[in-house]
Amino acid sequence: ISEKLSRENGITFAPEQIVVGNGAKHSLCNV
């Protein structure tokens, strides 16, 4: 995911800054 964000979006997020959730809905609610 980190590599995808860098490659496609020009964003730098380390793997430690990424949390995988039970769907984007769950991830949004978590945030």
Full PDB file with SEQRES, HELIX, SHEET, SSBOND, CRYST1, ORIGX, SCALE, CONECT and MASTER records, all heavy atoms in Angstrom:
SEQRES   1 A   31  ILE SER GLU LYS LEU SER ARG GLU ASN GLY ILE THR PHE          
SEQRES   2 A   31  ALA PRO GLU GLN ILE VAL VAL GLY ASN GLY ALA LYS HIS          
SEQRES   3 A   31  SER LEU CYS ASN VAL                                          
HELIX    1 AA1 SER A    2  LYS A    4  1                                   3    
HELIX    2 AA2 LEU A    5  ASN A    9  3                                   5    
HELIX    3 AA3 PRO A   15  GLN A   17  5                                   3    
HELIX    4 AA4 GLY A   23  ASN A   30  1                                   8    
CRYST1    1.000    1.000    1.000  90.00  90.00  90.00 P 1           1          
ORIGX1      1.000000  0.000000  0.000000        0.00000                         
ORIGX2      0.000000  1.000000  0.000000        0.00000                         
ORIGX3      0.000000  0.000000  1.000000        0.00000                         
SCALE1      1.000000  0.000000  0.000000        0.00000                         
SCALE2      0.000000  1.000000  0.000000        0.00000                         
SCALE3      0.000000  0.000000  1.000000        0.00000                         
ATOM      1  N   ILE A   1       0.838  -1.201   0.000  1.00  0.00           N  
ATOM      2  CA  ILE A   1       0.000   0.000   0.000  1.00  0.00           C  
ATOM      3  C   ILE A   1       0.873   1.251   0.000  1.00  0.00           C  
ATOM      4  O   ILE A   1       0.598   2.220  -0.724  1.00  0.00           O  
ATOM      5  CB  ILE A   1      -0.944  -0.011   1.212  1.00  0.00           C  
ATOM      6  CG1 ILE A   1      -1.952  -1.157   1.087  1.00  0.00           C  
ATOM      7  CG2 ILE A   1      -1.676   1.329   1.345  1.00  0.00           C  
ATOM      8  CD1 ILE A   1      -2.767  -1.407   2.349  1.00  0.00           C  
ATOM      9  N   SER A   2       1.926   1.234   0.800  1.00  0.00           N  
ATOM     10  CA  SER A   2       2.851   2.369   0.841  1.00  0.00           C  
ATOM     11  C   SER A   2       3.436   2.645  -0.531  1.00  0.00           C  
ATOM     12  O   SER A   2       3.523   3.799  -0.984  1.00  0.00           O  
ATOM     13  CB  SER A   2       3.965   2.096   1.856  1.00  0.00           C  
ATOM     14  OG  SER A   2       4.934   3.119   1.830  1.00  0.00           O  
ATOM     15  N   GLU A   3       3.830   1.581  -1.222  1.00  0.00           N  
ATOM     16  CA  GLU A   3       4.411   1.732  -2.566  1.00  0.00           C  
ATOM     17  C   GLU A   3       3.364   2.209  -3.559  1.00  0.00           C  
ATOM     18  O   GLU A   3       3.654   3.011  -4.458  1.00  0.00           O  
ATOM     19  CB  GLU A   3       5.018   0.401  -3.006  1.00  0.00           C  
ATOM     20  CG  GLU A   3       6.267   0.025  -2.207  1.00  0.00           C  
ATOM     21  CD  GLU A   3       6.691  -1.419  -2.416  1.00  0.00           C  
ATOM     22  OE1 GLU A   3       6.025  -2.133  -3.213  1.00  0.00           O  
ATOM     23  OE2 GLU A   3       7.679  -1.843  -1.794  1.00  0.00           O  
ATOM     24  N   LYS A   4       2.143   1.732  -3.413  1.00  0.00           N  
ATOM     25  CA  LYS A   4       1.053   2.187  -4.281  1.00  0.00           C  
ATOM     26  C   LYS A   4       0.823   3.683  -4.120  1.00  0.00           C  
ATOM     27  O   LYS A   4       0.669   4.429  -5.102  1.00  0.00           O  
ATOM     28  CB  LYS A   4      -0.220   1.410  -3.936  1.00  0.00           C  
ATOM     29  CG  LYS A   4      -1.466   1.852  -4.720  1.00  0.00           C  
ATOM     30  CD  LYS A   4      -2.277   2.878  -3.946  1.00  0.00           C  
ATOM     31  CE  LYS A   4      -3.516   3.274  -4.743  1.00  0.00           C  
ATOM     32  NZ  LYS A   4      -3.878   4.680  -4.598  1.00  0.00           N  
ATOM     33  N   LEU A   5       0.773   4.163  -2.875  1.00  0.00           N  
ATOM     34  CA  LEU A   5       0.545   5.576  -2.623  1.00  0.00           C  
ATOM     35  C   LEU A   5       1.663   6.443  -3.198  1.00  0.00           C  
ATOM     36  O   LEU A   5       1.412   7.521  -3.739  1.00  0.00           O  
ATOM     37  CB  LEU A   5       0.414   5.813  -1.115  1.00  0.00           C  
ATOM     38  CG  LEU A   5      -0.861   5.253  -0.467  1.00  0.00           C  
ATOM     39  CD1 LEU A   5      -0.753   5.298   1.054  1.00  0.00           C  
ATOM     40  CD2 LEU A   5      -2.089   6.019  -0.931  1.00  0.00           C  
ATOM     41  N   SER A   6       2.859   5.957  -3.097  1.00  0.00           N  
ATOM     42  CA  SER A   6       3.997   6.696  -3.652  1.00  0.00           C  
ATOM     43  C   SER A   6       3.961   6.698  -5.177  1.00  0.00           C  
ATOM     44  O   SER A   6       4.133   7.741  -5.826  1.00  0.00           O  
ATOM     45  CB  SER A   6       5.307   6.068  -3.162  1.00  0.00           C  
ATOM     46  OG  SER A   6       6.410   6.696  -3.751  1.00  0.00           O  
ATOM     47  N   ARG A   7       3.711   5.536  -5.750  1.00  0.00           N  
ATOM     48  CA  ARG A   7       3.743   5.366  -7.206  1.00  0.00           C  
ATOM     49  C   ARG A   7       2.588   6.082  -7.896  1.00  0.00           C  
ATOM     50  O   ARG A   7       2.779   6.773  -8.901  1.00  0.00           O  
ATOM     51  CB  ARG A   7       3.696   3.870  -7.520  1.00  0.00           C  
ATOM     52  CG  ARG A   7       3.698   3.523  -9.000  1.00  0.00           C  
ATOM     53  CD  ARG A   7       3.690   2.011  -9.186  1.00  0.00           C  
ATOM     54  NE  ARG A   7       2.456   1.377  -8.726  1.00  0.00           N  
ATOM     55  CZ  ARG A   7       2.366   0.598  -7.646  1.00  0.00           C  
ATOM     56  NH1 ARG A   7       3.441   0.357  -6.903  1.00  0.00           N  
ATOM     57  NH2 ARG A   7       1.210   0.050  -7.298  1.00  0.00           N  
ATOM     58  N   GLU A   8       1.379   5.945  -7.371  1.00  0.00           N  
ATOM     59  CA  GLU A   8       0.198   6.448  -8.059  1.00  0.00           C  
ATOM     60  C   GLU A   8      -0.231   7.833  -7.596  1.00  0.00           C  
ATOM     61  O   GLU A   8      -0.848   8.573  -8.371  1.00  0.00           O  
ATOM     62  CB  GLU A   8      -0.971   5.476  -7.860  1.00  0.00           C  
ATOM     63  CG  GLU A   8      -0.742   4.105  -8.482  1.00  0.00           C  
ATOM     64  CD  GLU A   8      -1.960   3.211  -8.354  1.00  0.00           C  
ATOM     65  OE1 GLU A   8      -2.990   3.651  -7.783  1.00  0.00           O  
ATOM     66  OE2 GLU A   8      -1.902   2.064  -8.829  1.00  0.00           O  
ATOM     67  N   ASN A   9       0.064   8.177  -6.365  1.00  0.00           N  
ATOM     68  CA  ASN A   9      -0.468   9.415  -5.802  1.00  0.00           C  
ATOM     69  C   ASN A   9       0.584  10.430  -5.401  1.00  0.00           C  
ATOM     70  O   ASN A   9       0.244  11.555  -5.028  1.00  0.00           O  
ATOM     71  CB  ASN A   9      -1.338   9.101  -4.580  1.00  0.00           C  
ATOM     72  CG  ASN A   9      -2.428   8.099  -4.890  1.00  0.00           C  
ATOM     73  OD1 ASN A   9      -2.412   6.977  -4.400  1.00  0.00           O  
ATOM     74  ND2 ASN A   9      -3.383   8.469  -5.730  1.00  0.00           N  
ATOM     75  N   GLY A  10       1.859  10.025  -5.435  1.00  0.00           N  
ATOM     76  CA  GLY A  10       2.920  10.950  -5.034  1.00  0.00           C  
ATOM     77  C   GLY A  10       2.882  11.290  -3.561  1.00  0.00           C  
ATOM     78  O   GLY A  10       3.250  12.392  -3.149  1.00  0.00           O  
ATOM     79  N   ILE A  11       2.424  10.340  -2.728  1.00  0.00           N  
ATOM     80  CA  ILE A  11       2.316  10.554  -1.291  1.00  0.00           C  
ATOM     81  C   ILE A  11       3.284   9.626  -0.582  1.00  0.00           C  
ATOM     82  O   ILE A  11       3.408   8.453  -0.940  1.00  0.00           O  
ATOM     83  CB  ILE A  11       0.896  10.262  -0.774  1.00  0.00           C  
ATOM     84  CG1 ILE A  11      -0.154  10.960  -1.633  1.00  0.00           C  
ATOM     85  CG2 ILE A  11       0.751  10.690   0.672  1.00  0.00           C  
ATOM     86  CD1 ILE A  11      -1.575  10.571  -1.267  1.00  0.00           C  
ATOM     87  N   THR A  12       3.926  10.139   0.460  1.00  0.00           N  
ATOM     88  CA  THR A  12       4.837   9.323   1.254  1.00  0.00           C  
ATOM     89  C   THR A  12       4.194   8.976   2.591  1.00  0.00           C  
ATOM     90  O   THR A  12       3.987   9.837   3.444  1.00  0.00           O  
ATOM     91  CB  THR A  12       6.167  10.055   1.497  1.00  0.00           C  
ATOM     92  OG1 THR A  12       6.782  10.343   0.232  1.00  0.00           O  
ATOM     93  CG2 THR A  12       7.109   9.199   2.327  1.00  0.00           C  
ATOM     94  N   PHE A  13       3.827   7.717   2.727  1.00  0.00           N  
ATOM     95  CA  PHE A  13       3.367   7.160   3.995  1.00  0.00           C  
ATOM     96  C   PHE A  13       4.178   5.904   4.258  1.00  0.00           C  
ATOM     97  O   PHE A  13       4.201   4.989   3.423  1.00  0.00           O  
ATOM     98  CB  PHE A  13       1.883   6.787   3.956  1.00  0.00           C  
ATOM     99  CG  PHE A  13       0.931   7.932   4.157  1.00  0.00           C  
ATOM    100  CD1 PHE A  13       0.191   8.429   3.097  1.00  0.00           C  
ATOM    101  CD2 PHE A  13       0.773   8.510   5.407  1.00  0.00           C  
ATOM    102  CE1 PHE A  13      -0.694   9.474   3.273  1.00  0.00           C  
ATOM    103  CE2 PHE A  13      -0.107   9.567   5.596  1.00  0.00           C  
ATOM    104  CZ  PHE A  13      -0.843  10.058   4.530  1.00  0.00           C  
ATOM    105  N   ALA A  14       4.874   5.860   5.387  1.00  0.00           N  
ATOM    106  CA  ALA A  14       5.614   4.658   5.756  1.00  0.00           C  
ATOM    107  C   ALA A  14       4.630   3.541   6.081  1.00  0.00           C  
ATOM    108  O   ALA A  14       3.489   3.816   6.472  1.00  0.00           O  
ATOM    109  CB  ALA A  14       6.509   4.943   6.961  1.00  0.00           C  
ATOM    110  N   PRO A  15       5.031   2.282   5.929  1.00  0.00           N  
ATOM    111  CA  PRO A  15       4.137   1.176   6.280  1.00  0.00           C  
ATOM    112  C   PRO A  15       3.591   1.293   7.706  1.00  0.00           C  
ATOM    113  O   PRO A  15       2.452   0.895   7.968  1.00  0.00           O  
ATOM    114  CB  PRO A  15       5.022  -0.056   6.120  1.00  0.00           C  
ATOM    115  CG  PRO A  15       6.035   0.344   5.095  1.00  0.00           C  
ATOM    116  CD  PRO A  15       6.306   1.797   5.356  1.00  0.00           C  
ATOM    117  N   GLU A  16       4.384   1.861   8.606  1.00  0.00           N  
ATOM    118  CA  GLU A  16       3.944   2.024   9.997  1.00  0.00           C  
ATOM    119  C   GLU A  16       2.814   3.034  10.138  1.00  0.00           C  
ATOM    120  O   GLU A  16       2.165   3.099  11.190  1.00  0.00           O  
ATOM    121  CB  GLU A  16       5.122   2.433  10.870  1.00  0.00           C  
ATOM    122  CG  GLU A  16       6.198   1.374  11.025  1.00  0.00           C  
ATOM    123  CD  GLU A  16       7.077   1.221   9.794  1.00  0.00           C  
ATOM    124  OE1 GLU A  16       7.080   2.136   8.929  1.00  0.00           O  
ATOM    125  OE2 GLU A  16       7.772   0.189   9.684  1.00  0.00           O  
ATOM    126  N   GLN A  17       2.589   3.837   9.113  1.00  0.00           N  
ATOM    127  CA  GLN A  17       1.513   4.828   9.142  1.00  0.00           C  
ATOM    128  C   GLN A  17       0.232   4.309   8.484  1.00  0.00           C  
ATOM    129  O   GLN A  17      -0.717   5.067   8.299  1.00  0.00           O  
ATOM    130  CB  GLN A  17       1.969   6.105   8.428  1.00  0.00           C  
ATOM    131  CG  GLN A  17       3.102   6.834   9.126  1.00  0.00           C  
ATOM    132  CD  GLN A  17       3.542   8.051   8.349  1.00  0.00           C  
ATOM    133  OE1 GLN A  17       4.122   7.945   7.262  1.00  0.00           O  
ATOM    134  NE2 GLN A  17       3.248   9.222   8.892  1.00  0.00           N  
ATOM    135  N   ILE A  18       0.220   3.026   8.154  1.00  0.00           N  
ATOM    136  CA  ILE A  18      -0.916   2.421   7.464  1.00  0.00           C  
ATOM    137  C   ILE A  18      -1.521   1.345   8.354  1.00  0.00           C  
ATOM    138  O   ILE A  18      -0.820   0.514   8.915  1.00  0.00           O  
ATOM    139  CB  ILE A  18      -0.477   1.818   6.113  1.00  0.00           C  
ATOM    140  CG1 ILE A  18      -0.019   2.939   5.170  1.00  0.00           C  
ATOM    141  CG2 ILE A  18      -1.601   0.997   5.481  1.00  0.00           C  
ATOM    142  CD1 ILE A  18       0.749   2.463   3.971  1.00  0.00           C  
ATOM    143  N   VAL A  19      -2.843   1.383   8.498  1.00  0.00           N  
ATOM    144  CA  VAL A  19      -3.570   0.376   9.270  1.00  0.00           C  
ATOM    145  C   VAL A  19      -4.635  -0.226   8.367  1.00  0.00           C  
ATOM    146  O   VAL A  19      -5.472   0.494   7.812  1.00  0.00           O  
ATOM    147  CB  VAL A  19      -4.222   0.967  10.534  1.00  0.00           C  
ATOM    148  CG1 VAL A  19      -4.943  -0.132  11.321  1.00  0.00           C  
ATOM    149  CG2 VAL A  19      -3.181   1.653  11.412  1.00  0.00           C  
ATOM    150  N   VAL A  20      -4.583  -1.528   8.212  1.00  0.00           N  
ATOM    151  CA  VAL A  20      -5.548  -2.238   7.369  1.00  0.00           C  
ATOM    152  C   VAL A  20      -6.792  -2.551   8.193  1.00  0.00           C  
ATOM    153  O   VAL A  20      -6.695  -3.042   9.325  1.00  0.00           O  
ATOM    154  CB  VAL A  20      -4.928  -3.536   6.817  1.00  0.00           C  
ATOM    155  CG1 VAL A  20      -5.938  -4.295   5.948  1.00  0.00           C  
ATOM    156  CG2 VAL A  20      -3.670  -3.222   6.014  1.00  0.00           C  
ATOM    157  N   GLY A  21      -7.957  -2.236   7.645  1.00  0.00           N  
ATOM    158  CA  GLY A  21      -9.216  -2.457   8.356  1.00  0.00           C  
ATOM    159  C   GLY A  21     -10.153  -3.369   7.587  1.00  0.00           C  
ATOM    160  O   GLY A  21      -9.861  -3.800   6.470  1.00  0.00           O  
ATOM    161  N   ASN A  22     -11.294  -3.642   8.199  1.00  0.00           N  
ATOM    162  CA  ASN A  22     -12.323  -4.483   7.579  1.00  0.00           C  
ATOM    163  C   ASN A  22     -13.149  -3.661   6.593  1.00  0.00           C  
ATOM    164  O   ASN A  22     -14.319  -3.358   6.832  1.00  0.00           O  
ATOM    165  CB  ASN A  22     -13.220  -5.084   8.662  1.00  0.00           C  
ATOM    166  CG  ASN A  22     -12.504  -6.115   9.500  1.00  0.00           C  
ATOM    167  OD1 ASN A  22     -12.293  -7.242   9.076  1.00  0.00           O  
ATOM    168  ND2 ASN A  22     -12.091  -5.716  10.701  1.00  0.00           N  
ATOM    169  N   GLY A  23     -12.522  -3.281   5.511  1.00  0.00           N  
ATOM    170  CA  GLY A  23     -13.150  -2.416   4.524  1.00  0.00           C  
ATOM    171  C   GLY A  23     -12.848  -0.956   4.798  1.00  0.00           C  
ATOM    172  O   GLY A  23     -12.482  -0.562   5.911  1.00  0.00           O  
ATOM    173  N   ALA A  24     -12.998  -0.128   3.758  1.00  0.00           N  
ATOM    174  CA  ALA A  24     -12.761   1.307   3.918  1.00  0.00           C  
ATOM    175  C   ALA A  24     -13.736   1.917   4.923  1.00  0.00           C  
ATOM    176  O   ALA A  24     -13.396   2.866   5.630  1.00  0.00           O  
ATOM    177  CB  ALA A  24     -12.882   2.004   2.564  1.00  0.00           C  
ATOM    178  N   LYS A  25     -14.937   1.368   5.004  1.00  0.00           N  
ATOM    179  CA  LYS A  25     -15.930   1.866   5.955  1.00  0.00           C  
ATOM    180  C   LYS A  25     -15.416   1.742   7.385  1.00  0.00           C  
ATOM    181  O   LYS A  25     -15.529   2.677   8.184  1.00  0.00           O  
ATOM    182  CB  LYS A  25     -17.226   1.074   5.785  1.00  0.00           C  
ATOM    183  CG  LYS A  25     -18.420   1.591   6.556  1.00  0.00           C  
ATOM    184  CD  LYS A  25     -19.668   0.786   6.156  1.00  0.00           C  
ATOM    185  CE  LYS A  25     -20.937   1.447   6.662  1.00  0.00           C  
ATOM    186  NZ  LYS A  25     -22.138   0.719   6.171  1.00  0.00           N  
ATOM    187  N   HIS A  26     -14.867   0.588   7.712  1.00  0.00           N  
ATOM    188  CA  HIS A  26     -14.308   0.366   9.044  1.00  0.00           C  
ATOM    189  C   HIS A  26     -13.123   1.295   9.288  1.00  0.00           C  
ATOM    190  O   HIS A  26     -12.991   1.890  10.374  1.00  0.00           O  
ATOM    191  CB  HIS A  26     -13.880  -1.100   9.163  1.00  0.00           C  
ATOM    192  CG  HIS A  26     -13.285  -1.463  10.476  1.00  0.00           C  
ATOM    193  ND1 HIS A  26     -12.199  -2.291  10.603  1.00  0.00           N  
ATOM    194  CD2 HIS A  26     -13.612  -1.113  11.744  1.00  0.00           C  
ATOM    195  CE1 HIS A  26     -11.895  -2.440  11.879  1.00  0.00           C  
ATOM    196  NE2 HIS A  26     -12.737  -1.737  12.588  1.00  0.00           N  
ATOM    197  N   SER A  27     -12.271   1.441   8.299  1.00  0.00           N  
ATOM    198  CA  SER A  27     -11.095   2.301   8.448  1.00  0.00           C  
ATOM    199  C   SER A  27     -11.501   3.750   8.682  1.00  0.00           C  
ATOM    200  O   SER A  27     -10.906   4.450   9.522  1.00  0.00           O  
ATOM    201  CB  SER A  27     -10.207   2.195   7.199  1.00  0.00           C  
ATOM    202  OG  SER A  27      -9.727   0.874   7.051  1.00  0.00           O  
ATOM    203  N   LEU A  28     -12.500   4.207   7.969  1.00  0.00           N  
ATOM    204  CA  LEU A  28     -12.991   5.572   8.151  1.00  0.00           C  
ATOM    205  C   LEU A  28     -13.566   5.762   9.551  1.00  0.00           C  
ATOM    206  O   LEU A  28     -13.271   6.755  10.232  1.00  0.00           O  
ATOM    207  CB  LEU A  28     -14.049   5.886   7.099  1.00  0.00           C  
ATOM    208  CG  LEU A  28     -14.761   7.227   7.223  1.00  0.00           C  
ATOM    209  CD1 LEU A  28     -13.783   8.379   7.130  1.00  0.00           C  
ATOM    210  CD2 LEU A  28     -15.848   7.350   6.160  1.00  0.00           C  
ATOM    211  N   CYS A  29     -14.370   4.810   9.983  1.00  0.00           N  
ATOM    212  CA  CYS A  29     -14.954   4.907  11.325  1.00  0.00           C  
ATOM    213  C   CYS A  29     -13.858   4.909  12.390  1.00  0.00           C  
ATOM    214  O   CYS A  29     -13.937   5.652  13.378  1.00  0.00           O  
ATOM    215  CB  CYS A  29     -15.927   3.764  11.547  1.00  0.00           C  
ATOM    216  SG  CYS A  29     -16.959   3.953  13.022  1.00  0.00           S  
ATOM    217  N   ASN A  30     -12.829   4.091  12.193  1.00  0.00           N  
ATOM    218  CA  ASN A  30     -11.707   4.070  13.132  1.00  0.00           C  
ATOM    219  C   ASN A  30     -11.054   5.437  13.259  1.00  0.00           C  
ATOM    220  O   ASN A  30     -10.749   5.896  14.368  1.00  0.00           O  
ATOM    221  CB  ASN A  30     -10.660   3.055  12.673  1.00  0.00           C  
ATOM    222  CG  ASN A  30     -10.978   1.634  13.083  1.00  0.00           C  
ATOM    223  OD1 ASN A  30     -11.836   1.400  13.928  1.00  0.00           O  
ATOM    224  ND2 ASN A  30     -10.291   0.683  12.492  1.00  0.00           N  
ATOM    225  N   VAL A  31     -10.813   6.089  12.124  1.00  0.00           N  
ATOM    226  CA  VAL A  31     -10.158   7.405  12.146  1.00  0.00           C  
ATOM    227  C   VAL A  31     -11.036   8.419  12.878  1.00  0.00           C  
ATOM    228  O   VAL A  31     -10.552   9.205  13.699  1.00  0.00           O  
ATOM    229  CB  VAL A  31      -9.841   7.877  10.715  1.00  0.00           C  
ATOM    230  CG1 VAL A  31      -9.431   9.357  10.715  1.00  0.00           C  
ATOM    231  CG2 VAL A  31      -8.734   7.024  10.111  1.00  0.00           C  
TER     232      VAL A  31                                                      
MASTER        0    0    0    4    0    0    0    6  231    1    0    3          
END                                                                             
